[in-house]
């Protein structure tokens, strides 16, 4: 197997791993920011996260190109070339390194997924609370508490602060 291609692949995997570690740290920070309700800080963290995701996308493209070359040399379809399959075509030292990258990245991505689920629930709970608060405000001004001169309930009572739920 072409050592240059394997080394290039490992370099890309290392770079991806470092970026995923950065995304993990940002996700943890995002949880704290969401809990504290710091919207402007959340926006800047989200922008940083998006820029890292763009970098991951570029690295993924590079990785796919390298894997396509490796698959061509091995006489395989690139879609079938997984790390497990690649391990069969390299020496033991390279195979061990590939297993380490796979294990590390899988672990990081799983942790990011779990933190993102928590963040999503926190945001949903915040939105639900805001909806609840708006409903209380709007319902406080509705109802039959307005009377006409004749002492009858005024059907044209006050409208709520907000007439439409977005």
C-alpha atoms as a PDB file:
ATOM      1  CA  UNK A   1       0.000   0.000   0.000  1.00  0.00           C
ATOM      2  CA  UNK A   2       1.189   3.519  -0.756  1.00  0.00           C
ATOM      3  CA  UNK A   3       2.668   4.882   2.507  1.00  0.00           C
ATOM      4  CA  UNK A   4       2.305   8.486   1.363  1.00  0.00           C
ATOM      5  CA  UNK A   5      -1.453   8.069   0.921  1.00  0.00           C
ATOM      6  CA  UNK A   6      -1.823   6.306   4.271  1.00  0.00           C
ATOM      7  CA  UNK A   7       0.175   9.059   5.999  1.00  0.00           C
ATOM      8  CA  UNK A   8      -1.912  11.719   4.241  1.00  0.00           C
ATOM      9  CA  UNK A   9      -5.064   9.962   5.411  1.00  0.00           C
ATOM     10  CA  UNK A  10      -3.775   9.796   8.982  1.00  0.00           C
ATOM     11  CA  UNK A  11      -2.888  13.498   8.874  1.00  0.00           C
ATOM     12  CA  UNK A  12      -6.423  14.342   7.742  1.00  0.00           C
ATOM     13  CA  UNK A  13      -7.913  12.100  10.441  1.00  0.00           C
ATOM     14  CA  UNK A  14      -5.732  13.816  13.058  1.00  0.00           C
ATOM     15  CA  UNK A  15      -6.857  17.257  11.873  1.00  0.00           C
ATOM     16  CA  UNK A  16     -10.493  16.151  11.921  1.00  0.00           C
ATOM     17  CA  UNK A  17     -10.041  14.732  15.397  1.00  0.00           C
ATOM     18  CA  UNK A  18      -8.643  18.032  16.699  1.00  0.00           C
ATOM     19  CA  UNK A  19     -11.525  19.994  15.190  1.00  0.00           C
ATOM     20  CA  UNK A  20     -14.066  17.586  16.684  1.00  0.00           C
ATOM     21  CA  UNK A  21     -12.371  18.119  20.062  1.00  0.00           C
ATOM     22  CA  UNK A  22     -12.806  21.880  19.569  1.00  0.00           C
ATOM     23  CA  UNK A  23     -16.466  21.379  18.670  1.00  0.00           C
ATOM     24  CA  UNK A  24     -16.898  19.261  21.812  1.00  0.00           C
ATOM     25  CA  UNK A  25     -15.495  22.053  23.994  1.00  0.00           C
ATOM     26  CA  UNK A  26     -17.701  24.603  22.259  1.00  0.00           C
ATOM     27  CA  UNK A  27     -20.757  22.380  22.790  1.00  0.00           C
ATOM     28  CA  UNK A  28     -20.003  22.182  26.515  1.00  0.00           C
ATOM     29  CA  UNK A  29     -19.602  25.949  26.657  1.00  0.00           C
ATOM     30  CA  UNK A  30     -22.844  26.343  24.721  1.00  0.00           C
ATOM     31  CA  UNK A  31     -24.727  24.412  27.426  1.00  0.00           C
ATOM     32  CA  UNK A  32     -23.589  26.910  30.058  1.00  0.00           C
ATOM     33  CA  UNK A  33     -24.467  29.867  27.826  1.00  0.00           C
ATOM     34  CA  UNK A  34     -27.955  28.466  27.134  1.00  0.00           C
ATOM     35  CA  UNK A  35     -28.594  27.901  30.851  1.00  0.00           C
ATOM     36  CA  UNK A  36     -27.525  31.471  31.636  1.00  0.00           C
ATOM     37  CA  UNK A  37     -29.603  32.849  28.746  1.00  0.00           C
ATOM     38  CA  UNK A  38     -26.751  34.773  27.112  1.00  0.00           C
ATOM     39  CA  UNK A  39     -28.197  35.094  23.624  1.00  0.00           C
ATOM     40  CA  UNK A  40     -25.435  37.229  22.071  1.00  0.00           C
ATOM     41  CA  UNK A  41     -22.755  34.877  23.387  1.00  0.00           C
ATOM     42  CA  UNK A  42     -24.751  31.917  22.053  1.00  0.00           C
ATOM     43  CA  UNK A  43     -24.800  33.552  18.633  1.00  0.00           C
ATOM     44  CA  UNK A  44     -21.018  34.025  18.579  1.00  0.00           C
ATOM     45  CA  UNK A  45     -20.447  30.448  19.767  1.00  0.00           C
ATOM     46  CA  UNK A  46     -22.776  29.170  17.052  1.00  0.00           C
ATOM     47  CA  UNK A  47     -20.884  31.171  14.414  1.00  0.00           C
ATOM     48  CA  UNK A  48     -17.585  29.697  15.620  1.00  0.00           C
ATOM     49  CA  UNK A  49     -19.108  26.228  15.575  1.00  0.00           C
ATOM     50  CA  UNK A  50     -20.311  26.751  11.997  1.00  0.00           C
ATOM     51  CA  UNK A  51     -16.831  27.808  10.854  1.00  0.00           C
ATOM     52  CA  UNK A  52     -15.392  24.621  12.378  1.00  0.00           C
ATOM     53  CA  UNK A  53     -18.048  22.560  10.617  1.00  0.00           C
ATOM     54  CA  UNK A  54     -17.011  24.154   7.309  1.00  0.00           C
ATOM     55  CA  UNK A  55     -13.399  23.110   8.032  1.00  0.00           C
ATOM     56  CA  UNK A  56     -14.587  19.570   8.788  1.00  0.00           C
ATOM     57  CA  UNK A  57     -16.432  19.547   5.455  1.00  0.00           C
ATOM     58  CA  UNK A  58     -13.254  20.494   3.581  1.00  0.00           C
ATOM     59  CA  UNK A  59     -11.252  17.847   5.432  1.00  0.00           C
ATOM     60  CA  UNK A  60     -13.946  15.263   4.676  1.00  0.00           C
ATOM     61  CA  UNK A  61     -13.649  16.082   0.989  1.00  0.00           C
ATOM     62  CA  UNK A  62      -9.865  15.658   1.178  1.00  0.00           C
ATOM     63  CA  UNK A  63     -10.286  12.395   3.096  1.00  0.00           C
ATOM     64  CA  UNK A  64     -12.726  11.062   0.492  1.00  0.00           C
ATOM     65  CA  UNK A  65     -10.266  11.883  -2.306  1.00  0.00           C
ATOM     66  CA  UNK A  66      -7.471  10.050  -0.493  1.00  0.00           C
ATOM     67  CA  UNK A  67      -9.727   7.051   0.184  1.00  0.00           C
ATOM     68  CA  UNK A  68     -10.712   6.992  -3.499  1.00  0.00           C
ATOM     69  CA  UNK A  69      -7.020   6.820  -4.466  1.00  0.00           C
ATOM     70  CA  UNK A  70      -6.337   4.100  -1.897  1.00  0.00           C
ATOM     71  CA  UNK A  71      -9.363   2.106  -3.069  1.00  0.00           C
ATOM     72  CA  UNK A  72      -8.147   2.393  -6.666  1.00  0.00           C
ATOM     73  CA  UNK A  73      -4.758   0.964  -5.707  1.00  0.00           C
ATOM     74  CA  UNK A  74      -6.437  -1.836  -3.715  1.00  0.00           C
ATOM     75  CA  UNK A  75      -8.852  -2.534  -6.593  1.00  0.00           C
ATOM     76  CA  UNK A  76     -11.903  -1.748  -4.469  1.00  0.00           C
ATOM     77  CA  UNK A  77     -14.981   0.419  -4.708  1.00  0.00           C
ATOM     78  CA  UNK A  78     -14.313   3.595  -2.639  1.00  0.00           C
ATOM     79  CA  UNK A  79     -17.696   3.245  -0.915  1.00  0.00           C
ATOM     80  CA  UNK A  80     -16.543  -0.102   0.515  1.00  0.00           C
ATOM     81  CA  UNK A  81     -13.247   1.268   1.856  1.00  0.00           C
ATOM     82  CA  UNK A  82     -13.796   1.660   5.596  1.00  0.00           C
ATOM     83  CA  UNK A  83     -11.135   1.975   8.272  1.00  0.00           C
ATOM     84  CA  UNK A  84     -11.726  -1.679   9.150  1.00  0.00           C
ATOM     85  CA  UNK A  85     -11.219  -2.653   5.514  1.00  0.00           C
ATOM     86  CA  UNK A  86      -8.184  -0.400   5.162  1.00  0.00           C
ATOM     87  CA  UNK A  87      -6.556  -2.087   8.180  1.00  0.00           C
ATOM     88  CA  UNK A  88      -6.325  -5.271   6.098  1.00  0.00           C
ATOM     89  CA  UNK A  89      -4.160  -3.490   3.505  1.00  0.00           C
ATOM     90  CA  UNK A  90      -1.604  -1.782   5.765  1.00  0.00           C
ATOM     91  CA  UNK A  91       1.081  -2.898   8.210  1.00  0.00           C
ATOM     92  CA  UNK A  92       0.223  -3.536  11.869  1.00  0.00           C
ATOM     93  CA  UNK A  93       1.606  -0.215  13.133  1.00  0.00           C
ATOM     94  CA  UNK A  94      -0.530   1.743  10.658  1.00  0.00           C
ATOM     95  CA  UNK A  95      -3.551  -0.457  11.399  1.00  0.00           C
ATOM     96  CA  UNK A  96      -3.198   0.228  15.127  1.00  0.00           C
ATOM     97  CA  UNK A  97      -2.998   3.965  14.500  1.00  0.00           C
ATOM     98  CA  UNK A  98      -6.117   3.812  12.309  1.00  0.00           C
ATOM     99  CA  UNK A  99      -7.989   1.913  15.061  1.00  0.00           C
ATOM    100  CA  UNK A 100      -6.961   4.588  17.582  1.00  0.00           C
ATOM    101  CA  UNK A 101      -8.257   7.386  15.336  1.00  0.00           C
ATOM    102  CA  UNK A 102     -11.502   5.518  14.750  1.00  0.00           C
ATOM    103  CA  UNK A 103     -12.047   4.855  18.467  1.00  0.00           C
ATOM    104  CA  UNK A 104     -11.157   8.412  19.483  1.00  0.00           C
ATOM    105  CA  UNK A 105     -13.307  10.103  16.846  1.00  0.00           C
ATOM    106  CA  UNK A 106     -16.261   7.795  17.501  1.00  0.00           C
ATOM    107  CA  UNK A 107     -16.059   8.637  21.198  1.00  0.00           C
ATOM    108  CA  UNK A 108     -15.851  12.391  20.596  1.00  0.00           C
ATOM    109  CA  UNK A 109     -18.698  12.402  18.070  1.00  0.00           C
ATOM    110  CA  UNK A 110     -20.905  10.403  20.464  1.00  0.00           C
ATOM    111  CA  UNK A 111     -20.192  12.884  23.266  1.00  0.00           C
ATOM    112  CA  UNK A 112     -20.951  15.833  20.959  1.00  0.00           C
ATOM    113  CA  UNK A 113     -24.230  14.150  19.992  1.00  0.00           C
ATOM    114  CA  UNK A 114     -25.216  13.707  23.658  1.00  0.00           C
ATOM    115  CA  UNK A 115     -24.373  17.308  24.560  1.00  0.00           C
ATOM    116  CA  UNK A 116     -26.256  18.605  21.511  1.00  0.00           C
ATOM    117  CA  UNK A 117     -29.330  16.628  22.602  1.00  0.00           C
ATOM    118  CA  UNK A 118     -29.138  18.269  26.051  1.00  0.00           C
ATOM    119  CA  UNK A 119     -28.721  21.694  24.434  1.00  0.00           C
ATOM    120  CA  UNK A 120     -31.723  21.066  22.175  1.00  0.00           C
ATOM    121  CA  UNK A 121     -33.869  20.114  25.171  1.00  0.00           C
ATOM    122  CA  UNK A 122     -32.735  23.232  27.060  1.00  0.00           C
ATOM    123  CA  UNK A 123     -33.614  25.449  24.106  1.00  0.00           C
ATOM    124  CA  UNK A 124     -36.983  23.711  23.665  1.00  0.00           C
ATOM    125  CA  UNK A 125     -37.743  24.190  27.367  1.00  0.00           C
ATOM    126  CA  UNK A 126     -36.862  27.884  27.079  1.00  0.00           C
ATOM    127  CA  UNK A 127     -39.153  28.291  24.084  1.00  0.00           C
ATOM    128  CA  UNK A 128     -41.953  26.446  25.894  1.00  0.00           C
ATOM    129  CA  UNK A 129     -41.533  28.752  28.893  1.00  0.00           C
ATOM    130  CA  UNK A 130     -41.656  31.830  26.655  1.00  0.00           C
ATOM    131  CA  UNK A 131     -44.825  30.498  24.978  1.00  0.00           C
ATOM    132  CA  UNK A 132     -46.347  29.845  28.400  1.00  0.00           C
ATOM    133  CA  UNK A 133     -45.475  33.376  29.555  1.00  0.00           C
ATOM    134  CA  UNK A 134     -46.961  34.917  26.416  1.00  0.00           C
ATOM    135  CA  UNK A 135     -50.134  32.871  26.868  1.00  0.00           C
ATOM    136  CA  UNK A 136     -50.461  34.086  30.453  1.00  0.00           C
ATOM    137  CA  UNK A 137     -49.993  37.700  29.357  1.00  0.00           C
ATOM    138  CA  UNK A 138     -52.512  37.406  26.556  1.00  0.00           C
ATOM    139  CA  UNK A 139     -55.120  35.548  28.591  1.00  0.00           C
ATOM    140  CA  UNK A 140     -54.849  38.028  31.482  1.00  0.00           C
ATOM    141  CA  UNK A 141     -56.377  40.723  29.295  1.00  0.00           C
ATOM    142  CA  UNK A 142     -59.038  38.578  27.671  1.00  0.00           C
ATOM    143  CA  UNK A 143     -62.327  37.569  29.079  1.00  0.00           C
ATOM    144  CA  UNK A 144     -65.529  39.192  30.256  1.00  0.00           C
ATOM    145  CA  UNK A 145     -64.142  41.841  32.567  1.00  0.00           C
ATOM    146  CA  UNK A 146     -65.235  44.791  30.400  1.00  0.00           C
ATOM    147  CA  UNK A 147     -68.747  46.144  30.787  1.00  0.00           C
ATOM    148  CA  UNK A 148     -70.792  48.576  28.717  1.00  0.00           C
ATOM    149  CA  UNK A 149     -72.719  51.556  30.142  1.00  0.00           C
ATOM    150  CA  UNK A 150     -75.760  49.331  30.516  1.00  0.00           C
ATOM    151  CA  UNK A 151     -73.854  46.868  32.734  1.00  0.00           C
ATOM    152  CA  UNK A 152     -73.661  44.214  30.037  1.00  0.00           C
ATOM    153  CA  UNK A 153     -70.452  42.368  29.162  1.00  0.00           C
ATOM    154  CA  UNK A 154     -68.748  44.196  26.335  1.00  0.00           C
ATOM    155  CA  UNK A 155     -68.142  41.713  23.493  1.00  0.00           C
ATOM    156  CA  UNK A 156     -65.561  44.085  21.994  1.00  0.00           C
ATOM    157  CA  UNK A 157     -63.327  43.667  25.035  1.00  0.00           C
ATOM    158  CA  UNK A 158     -59.650  44.418  24.992  1.00  0.00           C
ATOM    159  CA  UNK A 159     -57.419  42.496  22.699  1.00  0.00           C
ATOM    160  CA  UNK A 160     -54.396  40.770  24.202  1.00  0.00           C
ATOM    161  CA  UNK A 161     -50.906  42.167  23.896  1.00  0.00           C
ATOM    162  CA  UNK A 162     -50.189  39.636  21.210  1.00  0.00           C
ATOM    163  CA  UNK A 163     -52.863  38.442  18.835  1.00  0.00           C
ATOM    164  CA  UNK A 164     -50.840  35.931  16.859  1.00  0.00           C
ATOM    165  CA  UNK A 165     -48.634  33.056  17.931  1.00  0.00           C
ATOM    166  CA  UNK A 166     -45.624  32.787  15.647  1.00  0.00           C
END
